């Protein structure tokens, strides 16, 4: 996994975490859900990249 991919995926997770926190704080369920989706997407991408690394 390239370092750039790791950084992008981690950034997506962190943005998702921030969105979720803001959504919780403001009572905005849609933003909270969007943050959870962003976190899940980042985690999935990280897992996929790790699998690729195993088979190199």
N, C-alpha and C. Protein backbone atom coordinates (compact mmCIF):
# COMPACT_ATOMS: atom_id res chain seq x y z
N UNK A 1 0.86 -1.16 0.00
CA UNK A 1 0.00 0.00 0.00
C UNK A 1 0.90 1.22 0.00
N UNK A 2 0.61 2.12 -0.87
CA UNK A 2 1.44 3.32 -0.90
C UNK A 2 1.10 4.22 0.27
N UNK A 3 2.05 5.01 0.62
CA UNK A 3 1.85 5.94 1.74
C UNK A 3 0.75 6.94 1.43
N UNK A 4 0.64 7.34 0.18
CA UNK A 4 -0.40 8.30 -0.22
C UNK A 4 -1.78 7.69 -0.02
N UNK A 5 -1.95 6.43 -0.38
CA UNK A 5 -3.24 5.76 -0.18
C UNK A 5 -3.58 5.67 1.30
N UNK A 6 -2.58 5.35 2.12
CA UNK A 6 -2.80 5.27 3.57
C UNK A 6 -3.27 6.61 4.12
N UNK A 7 -2.62 7.67 3.67
CA UNK A 7 -2.97 9.01 4.15
C UNK A 7 -4.38 9.39 3.71
N UNK A 8 -4.71 9.12 2.46
CA UNK A 8 -6.04 9.44 1.96
C UNK A 8 -7.13 8.68 2.72
N UNK A 9 -6.90 7.41 2.94
CA UNK A 9 -7.89 6.59 3.64
C UNK A 9 -8.04 7.04 5.08
N UNK A 10 -6.93 7.35 5.73
CA UNK A 10 -6.99 7.82 7.12
C UNK A 10 -7.69 9.17 7.20
N UNK A 11 -7.42 10.03 6.23
CA UNK A 11 -8.08 11.34 6.19
C UNK A 11 -9.59 11.18 6.04
N UNK A 12 -10.00 10.24 5.20
CA UNK A 12 -11.43 9.99 5.02
C UNK A 12 -12.07 9.52 6.33
N UNK A 13 -11.36 8.67 7.06
CA UNK A 13 -11.86 8.22 8.36
C UNK A 13 -11.98 9.39 9.34
N UNK A 14 -10.96 10.25 9.37
CA UNK A 14 -10.96 11.37 10.31
C UNK A 14 -12.06 12.38 9.97
N UNK A 15 -12.27 12.64 8.69
CA UNK A 15 -13.35 13.54 8.28
C UNK A 15 -14.69 12.94 8.69
N UNK A 16 -14.83 11.66 8.50
CA UNK A 16 -16.06 10.98 8.91
C UNK A 16 -16.29 11.07 10.40
N UNK A 17 -15.23 10.92 11.16
CA UNK A 17 -15.32 11.02 12.62
C UNK A 17 -15.77 12.43 13.02
N UNK A 18 -15.20 13.44 12.37
CA UNK A 18 -15.57 14.82 12.67
C UNK A 18 -17.03 15.09 12.30
N UNK A 19 -17.46 14.61 11.15
CA UNK A 19 -18.85 14.80 10.73
C UNK A 19 -19.80 14.14 11.72
N UNK A 20 -19.44 12.95 12.14
CA UNK A 20 -20.30 12.24 13.10
C UNK A 20 -20.39 13.03 14.40
N UNK A 21 -19.27 13.55 14.88
CA UNK A 21 -19.27 14.30 16.13
C UNK A 21 -20.10 15.58 16.02
N UNK A 22 -19.96 16.28 14.91
CA UNK A 22 -20.74 17.50 14.70
C UNK A 22 -22.21 17.16 14.59
N UNK A 23 -22.51 16.08 13.89
CA UNK A 23 -23.90 15.64 13.76
C UNK A 23 -24.52 15.32 15.11
N UNK A 24 -23.77 14.64 15.96
CA UNK A 24 -24.26 14.32 17.31
C UNK A 24 -24.48 15.59 18.12
N UNK A 25 -23.52 16.50 18.05
CA UNK A 25 -23.58 17.72 18.85
C UNK A 25 -24.73 18.63 18.44
N UNK A 26 -25.06 18.62 17.16
CA UNK A 26 -26.11 19.51 16.66
C UNK A 26 -27.45 18.81 16.51
N UNK A 27 -27.47 17.51 16.73
CA UNK A 27 -28.71 16.76 16.57
C UNK A 27 -29.05 16.50 15.11
N UNK A 28 -28.06 16.63 14.23
CA UNK A 28 -28.26 16.42 12.80
C UNK A 28 -27.97 14.95 12.49
N UNK A 29 -29.02 14.16 12.44
CA UNK A 29 -28.86 12.72 12.22
C UNK A 29 -28.30 12.41 10.83
N UNK A 30 -28.65 13.23 9.84
CA UNK A 30 -28.16 13.00 8.48
C UNK A 30 -26.64 13.18 8.42
N UNK A 31 -26.13 14.22 9.04
CA UNK A 31 -24.68 14.46 9.06
C UNK A 31 -23.98 13.37 9.86
N UNK A 32 -24.59 12.95 10.93
CA UNK A 32 -24.03 11.88 11.76
C UNK A 32 -23.92 10.60 10.93
N UNK A 33 -24.96 10.27 10.20
CA UNK A 33 -24.95 9.06 9.37
C UNK A 33 -23.92 9.17 8.25
N UNK A 34 -23.80 10.37 7.67
CA UNK A 34 -22.82 10.59 6.61
C UNK A 34 -21.41 10.36 7.16
N UNK A 35 -21.17 10.83 8.36
CA UNK A 35 -19.87 10.62 8.99
C UNK A 35 -19.57 9.15 9.22
N UNK A 36 -20.58 8.41 9.63
CA UNK A 36 -20.40 6.97 9.84
C UNK A 36 -20.11 6.28 8.52
N UNK A 37 -20.79 6.70 7.45
CA UNK A 37 -20.52 6.11 6.12
C UNK A 37 -19.10 6.41 5.67
N UNK A 38 -18.65 7.65 5.88
CA UNK A 38 -17.29 8.01 5.49
C UNK A 38 -16.26 7.18 6.25
N UNK A 39 -16.49 6.98 7.53
CA UNK A 39 -15.57 6.16 8.33
C UNK A 39 -15.55 4.73 7.82
N UNK A 40 -16.71 4.19 7.53
CA UNK A 40 -16.79 2.81 7.04
C UNK A 40 -16.08 2.67 5.70
N UNK A 41 -16.25 3.66 4.83
CA UNK A 41 -15.60 3.62 3.52
C UNK A 41 -14.07 3.65 3.69
N UNK A 42 -13.59 4.51 4.56
CA UNK A 42 -12.15 4.57 4.80
C UNK A 42 -11.61 3.28 5.37
N UNK A 43 -12.34 2.69 6.30
CA UNK A 43 -11.91 1.42 6.90
C UNK A 43 -11.90 0.31 5.87
N UNK A 44 -12.90 0.28 5.00
CA UNK A 44 -12.97 -0.75 3.96
C UNK A 44 -11.81 -0.62 2.99
N UNK A 45 -11.49 0.60 2.61
CA UNK A 45 -10.38 0.82 1.69
C UNK A 45 -9.06 0.39 2.34
N UNK A 46 -8.89 0.71 3.62
CA UNK A 46 -7.68 0.30 4.32
C UNK A 46 -7.56 -1.22 4.32
N UNK A 47 -8.64 -1.90 4.61
CA UNK A 47 -8.63 -3.37 4.65
C UNK A 47 -8.29 -3.94 3.28
N UNK A 48 -8.86 -3.36 2.24
CA UNK A 48 -8.57 -3.83 0.88
C UNK A 48 -7.11 -3.66 0.52
N UNK A 49 -6.54 -2.54 0.90
CA UNK A 49 -5.13 -2.30 0.62
C UNK A 49 -4.24 -3.27 1.40
N UNK A 50 -4.62 -3.59 2.62
CA UNK A 50 -3.84 -4.53 3.41
C UNK A 50 -3.85 -5.93 2.79
N UNK A 51 -4.99 -6.33 2.24
CA UNK A 51 -5.09 -7.62 1.56
C UNK A 51 -4.19 -7.62 0.34
N UNK A 52 -4.17 -6.52 -0.39
CA UNK A 52 -3.29 -6.43 -1.57
C UNK A 52 -1.84 -6.59 -1.15
N UNK A 53 -1.46 -5.98 -0.04
CA UNK A 53 -0.09 -6.06 0.44
C UNK A 53 0.32 -7.49 0.78
N UNK A 54 -0.62 -8.25 1.31
CA UNK A 54 -0.33 -9.63 1.68
C UNK A 54 0.04 -10.45 0.47
N UNK A 55 -0.60 -10.19 -0.67
CA UNK A 55 -0.38 -11.00 -1.84
C UNK A 55 0.70 -10.46 -2.77
N UNK A 56 1.46 -9.49 -2.31
CA UNK A 56 2.56 -8.96 -3.14
C UNK A 56 3.76 -9.85 -3.05
